[in-house]
Amino acid sequence: FQNDRAVPEMKKLLEDLGAQMNAISIREEETVAEYHRLKNLVERLRGEMRETVNQAIHVLPFLQPGRLVRVRDGVSEWDWGVVINFSKKAKGDKGPSRNLDVKEYVLDVLLHCYAGGTSGAPRPPADNE
């Protein structure tokens, strides 16, 4: 019921914001759109290049014990670690959506980390830790 009373005010706000949006004028909008398209293309190509460079065939010669590696998991930046060992993942290992054509490797890396909050899972250290 309380939300129903707010509907006219929200409609008015929506109309006002729509009018402000329509009043915005971008000079050389085509150039800005082209720049945005090119920037997205560069990001996509960098991702493809990273995937190619990180393929096992290119990485395996460098996975030697004692080698420094920078570890990222997509979300967290773990910083630098030391390779301890690596091994090919056994065929019998179970896991989500295993593709038999893809060879997987387990990399043992010594990292500076802290136990997580309530879950106890390791996490990267904060800047002040």
C-alpha atoms as a PDB file:
ATOM      1  CA  PHE A   1       0.000   0.000   0.000  1.00  0.00           C
ATOM      2  CA  GLN A   2       2.797   2.396   0.857  1.00  0.00           C
ATOM      3  CA  ASN A   3       4.463   1.735  -2.491  1.00  0.00           C
ATOM      4  CA  ASP A   4       1.225   2.525  -4.339  1.00  0.00           C
ATOM      5  CA  ARG A   5       1.180   6.024  -2.874  1.00  0.00           C
ATOM      6  CA  ALA A   6       4.695   6.663  -4.189  1.00  0.00           C
ATOM      7  CA  VAL A   7       3.855   5.703  -7.804  1.00  0.00           C
ATOM      8  CA  PRO A   8       2.810   9.217  -8.998  1.00  0.00           C
ATOM      9  CA  GLU A   9       5.985  10.736  -7.543  1.00  0.00           C
ATOM     10  CA  MET A  10       8.095   8.026  -9.159  1.00  0.00           C
ATOM     11  CA  LYS A  11       6.407   8.601 -12.542  1.00  0.00           C
ATOM     12  CA  LYS A  12       7.116  12.334 -12.268  1.00  0.00           C
ATOM     13  CA  LEU A  13      10.747  11.614 -11.385  1.00  0.00           C
ATOM     14  CA  LEU A  14      11.002   9.223 -14.347  1.00  0.00           C
ATOM     15  CA  GLU A  15       9.640  11.887 -16.703  1.00  0.00           C
ATOM     16  CA  ASP A  16      12.037  14.508 -15.317  1.00  0.00           C
ATOM     17  CA  LEU A  17      15.040  12.187 -15.688  1.00  0.00           C
ATOM     18  CA  GLY A  18      13.916  11.221 -19.209  1.00  0.00           C
ATOM     19  CA  ALA A  19      13.743  14.900 -20.155  1.00  0.00           C
ATOM     20  CA  GLN A  20      17.230  15.485 -18.733  1.00  0.00           C
ATOM     21  CA  MET A  21      18.551  12.491 -20.661  1.00  0.00           C
ATOM     22  CA  ASN A  22      17.031  13.734 -23.918  1.00  0.00           C
ATOM     23  CA  ALA A  23      18.520  17.187 -23.309  1.00  0.00           C
ATOM     24  CA  ILE A  24      22.064  15.793 -23.189  1.00  0.00           C
ATOM     25  CA  SER A  25      23.956  16.557 -26.361  1.00  0.00           C
ATOM     26  CA  ILE A  26      27.179  14.794 -27.282  1.00  0.00           C
ATOM     27  CA  ARG A  27      29.396  16.492 -29.823  1.00  0.00           C
ATOM     28  CA  GLU A  28      30.735  14.128 -32.484  1.00  0.00           C
ATOM     29  CA  GLU A  29      28.622  11.262 -31.166  1.00  0.00           C
ATOM     30  CA  GLU A  30      29.679   8.997 -34.051  1.00  0.00           C
ATOM     31  CA  THR A  31      33.343   9.450 -33.150  1.00  0.00           C
ATOM     32  CA  VAL A  32      32.657   8.657 -29.501  1.00  0.00           C
ATOM     33  CA  ALA A  33      30.669   5.560 -30.517  1.00  0.00           C
ATOM     34  CA  GLU A  34      33.532   4.411 -32.766  1.00  0.00           C
ATOM     35  CA  TYR A  35      36.029   4.940 -29.921  1.00  0.00           C
ATOM     36  CA  HIS A  36      33.836   2.871 -27.585  1.00  0.00           C
ATOM     37  CA  ARG A  37      33.536   0.092 -30.174  1.00  0.00           C
ATOM     38  CA  LEU A  38      37.318   0.048 -30.714  1.00  0.00           C
ATOM     39  CA  LYS A  39      37.984   0.021 -26.968  1.00  0.00           C
ATOM     40  CA  ASN A  40      35.692  -3.008 -26.547  1.00  0.00           C
ATOM     41  CA  LEU A  41      37.422  -4.721 -29.481  1.00  0.00           C
ATOM     42  CA  VAL A  42      40.855  -4.159 -27.921  1.00  0.00           C
ATOM     43  CA  GLU A  43      39.650  -5.617 -24.597  1.00  0.00           C
ATOM     44  CA  ARG A  44      38.218  -8.679 -26.360  1.00  0.00           C
ATOM     45  CA  LEU A  45      41.427  -9.224 -28.365  1.00  0.00           C
ATOM     46  CA  ARG A  46      43.566  -8.864 -25.215  1.00  0.00           C
ATOM     47  CA  GLY A  47      41.441 -11.553 -23.586  1.00  0.00           C
ATOM     48  CA  GLU A  48      41.900 -13.845 -26.586  1.00  0.00           C
ATOM     49  CA  MET A  49      45.642 -13.213 -26.573  1.00  0.00           C
ATOM     50  CA  ARG A  50      45.817 -13.950 -22.823  1.00  0.00           C
ATOM     51  CA  GLU A  51      43.939 -17.230 -23.357  1.00  0.00           C
ATOM     52  CA  THR A  52      46.366 -18.232 -26.106  1.00  0.00           C
ATOM     53  CA  VAL A  53      49.469 -17.333 -24.113  1.00  0.00           C
ATOM     54  CA  ASN A  54      48.165 -19.164 -21.022  1.00  0.00           C
ATOM     55  CA  GLN A  55      47.577 -22.435 -22.864  1.00  0.00           C
ATOM     56  CA  ALA A  56      49.480 -25.368 -21.394  1.00  0.00           C
ATOM     57  CA  ILE A  57      51.626 -25.859 -24.503  1.00  0.00           C
ATOM     58  CA  HIS A  58      53.060 -22.350 -24.084  1.00  0.00           C
ATOM     59  CA  VAL A  59      53.296 -22.303 -20.268  1.00  0.00           C
ATOM     60  CA  LEU A  60      54.694 -25.765 -19.420  1.00  0.00           C
ATOM     61  CA  PRO A  61      58.331 -25.051 -20.377  1.00  0.00           C
ATOM     62  CA  PHE A  62      58.378 -22.244 -17.795  1.00  0.00           C
ATOM     63  CA  LEU A  63      56.779 -24.094 -14.857  1.00  0.00           C
ATOM     64  CA  GLN A  64      59.977 -24.921 -13.038  1.00  0.00           C
ATOM     65  CA  PRO A  65      60.296 -25.098  -9.243  1.00  0.00           C
ATOM     66  CA  GLY A  66      61.519 -21.774  -7.888  1.00  0.00           C
ATOM     67  CA  ARG A  67      59.995 -19.701 -10.694  1.00  0.00           C
ATOM     68  CA  LEU A  68      58.054 -16.622  -9.592  1.00  0.00           C
ATOM     69  CA  VAL A  69      54.486 -16.413 -10.867  1.00  0.00           C
ATOM     70  CA  ARG A  70      51.809 -13.773 -10.491  1.00  0.00           C
ATOM     71  CA  VAL A  71      48.530 -15.316  -9.362  1.00  0.00           C
ATOM     72  CA  ARG A  72      45.083 -13.949 -10.200  1.00  0.00           C
ATOM     73  CA  ASP A  73      41.826 -15.820  -9.871  1.00  0.00           C
ATOM     74  CA  GLY A  74      39.674 -13.466 -11.894  1.00  0.00           C
ATOM     75  CA  VAL A  75      38.438 -11.538  -8.863  1.00  0.00           C
ATOM     76  CA  SER A  76      41.341 -11.397  -6.438  1.00  0.00           C
ATOM     77  CA  GLU A  77      44.923 -10.367  -7.025  1.00  0.00           C
ATOM     78  CA  TRP A  78      47.082 -12.792  -5.013  1.00  0.00           C
ATOM     79  CA  ASP A  79      50.314 -11.080  -6.053  1.00  0.00           C
ATOM     80  CA  TRP A  80      53.545 -13.075  -6.502  1.00  0.00           C
ATOM     81  CA  GLY A  81      54.132 -16.692  -5.498  1.00  0.00           C
ATOM     82  CA  VAL A  82      56.808 -19.350  -5.933  1.00  0.00           C
ATOM     83  CA  VAL A  83      56.207 -22.486  -8.015  1.00  0.00           C
ATOM     84  CA  ILE A  84      56.808 -25.553  -5.863  1.00  0.00           C
ATOM     85  CA  ASN A  85      55.692 -28.295  -8.243  1.00  0.00           C
ATOM     86  CA  PHE A  86      53.255 -29.076 -11.035  1.00  0.00           C
ATOM     87  CA  SER A  87      51.645 -32.272 -12.210  1.00  0.00           C
ATOM     88  CA  LYS A  88      49.225 -33.390 -14.867  1.00  0.00           C
ATOM     89  CA  LYS A  89      45.727 -33.962 -13.538  1.00  0.00           C
ATOM     90  CA  ALA A  90      44.840 -37.652 -13.485  1.00  0.00           C
ATOM     91  CA  LYS A  91      42.079 -38.850 -15.829  1.00  0.00           C
ATOM     92  CA  GLY A  92      40.101 -40.343 -12.961  1.00  0.00           C
ATOM     93  CA  ASP A  93      39.723 -37.004 -11.170  1.00  0.00           C
ATOM     94  CA  LYS A  94      36.124 -35.934 -10.971  1.00  0.00           C
ATOM     95  CA  GLY A  95      34.911 -32.417 -11.349  1.00  0.00           C
ATOM     96  CA  PRO A  96      32.372 -30.281 -13.139  1.00  0.00           C
ATOM     97  CA  SER A  97      32.194 -30.617 -16.930  1.00  0.00           C
ATOM     98  CA  ARG A  98      35.467 -32.396 -17.673  1.00  0.00           C
ATOM     99  CA  ASN A  99      36.460 -32.151 -21.330  1.00  0.00           C
ATOM    100  CA  LEU A 100      38.652 -35.095 -22.273  1.00  0.00           C
ATOM    101  CA  ASP A 101      40.447 -33.106 -24.990  1.00  0.00           C
ATOM    102  CA  VAL A 102      41.700 -30.499 -22.533  1.00  0.00           C
ATOM    103  CA  LYS A 103      44.743 -31.431 -20.491  1.00  0.00           C
ATOM    104  CA  GLU A 104      44.653 -30.002 -17.001  1.00  0.00           C
ATOM    105  CA  TYR A 105      47.544 -29.419 -14.650  1.00  0.00           C
ATOM    106  CA  VAL A 106      47.767 -28.864 -10.926  1.00  0.00           C
ATOM    107  CA  LEU A 107      50.204 -26.151  -9.953  1.00  0.00           C
ATOM    108  CA  ASP A 108      51.502 -25.990  -6.383  1.00  0.00           C
ATOM    109  CA  VAL A 109      52.400 -22.403  -5.525  1.00  0.00           C
ATOM    110  CA  LEU A 110      53.643 -20.946  -2.250  1.00  0.00           C
ATOM    111  CA  LEU A 111      51.609 -17.775  -1.612  1.00  0.00           C
ATOM    112  CA  HIS A 112      51.329 -15.180   1.102  1.00  0.00           C
ATOM    113  CA  CYS A 113      47.709 -15.441   2.284  1.00  0.00           C
ATOM    114  CA  TYR A 114      45.413 -15.180   5.300  1.00  0.00           C
ATOM    115  CA  ALA A 115      42.570 -17.346   6.537  1.00  0.00           C
ATOM    116  CA  GLY A 116      39.226 -15.929   5.473  1.00  0.00           C
ATOM    117  CA  GLY A 117      36.571 -14.634   7.840  1.00  0.00           C
ATOM    118  CA  THR A 118      33.912 -17.116   8.904  1.00  0.00           C
ATOM    119  CA  SER A 119      34.536 -19.628   6.111  1.00  0.00           C
ATOM    120  CA  GLY A 120      38.214 -20.110   6.920  1.00  0.00           C
ATOM    121  CA  ALA A 121      39.053 -20.174   3.186  1.00  0.00           C
ATOM    122  CA  PRO A 122      42.376 -18.546   2.318  1.00  0.00           C
ATOM    123  CA  ARG A 123      42.297 -15.058   0.902  1.00  0.00           C
ATOM    124  CA  PRO A 124      44.879 -12.635  -0.447  1.00  0.00           C
ATOM    125  CA  PRO A 125      46.346 -10.310   2.158  1.00  0.00           C
ATOM    126  CA  ALA A 126      45.111  -6.734   2.258  1.00  0.00           C
ATOM    127  CA  ASP A 127      47.570  -3.920   1.564  1.00  0.00           C
ATOM    128  CA  ASN A 128      48.107  -3.249   5.271  1.00  0.00           C
ATOM    129  CA  GLU A 129      48.557  -6.931   6.286  1.00  0.00           C
END
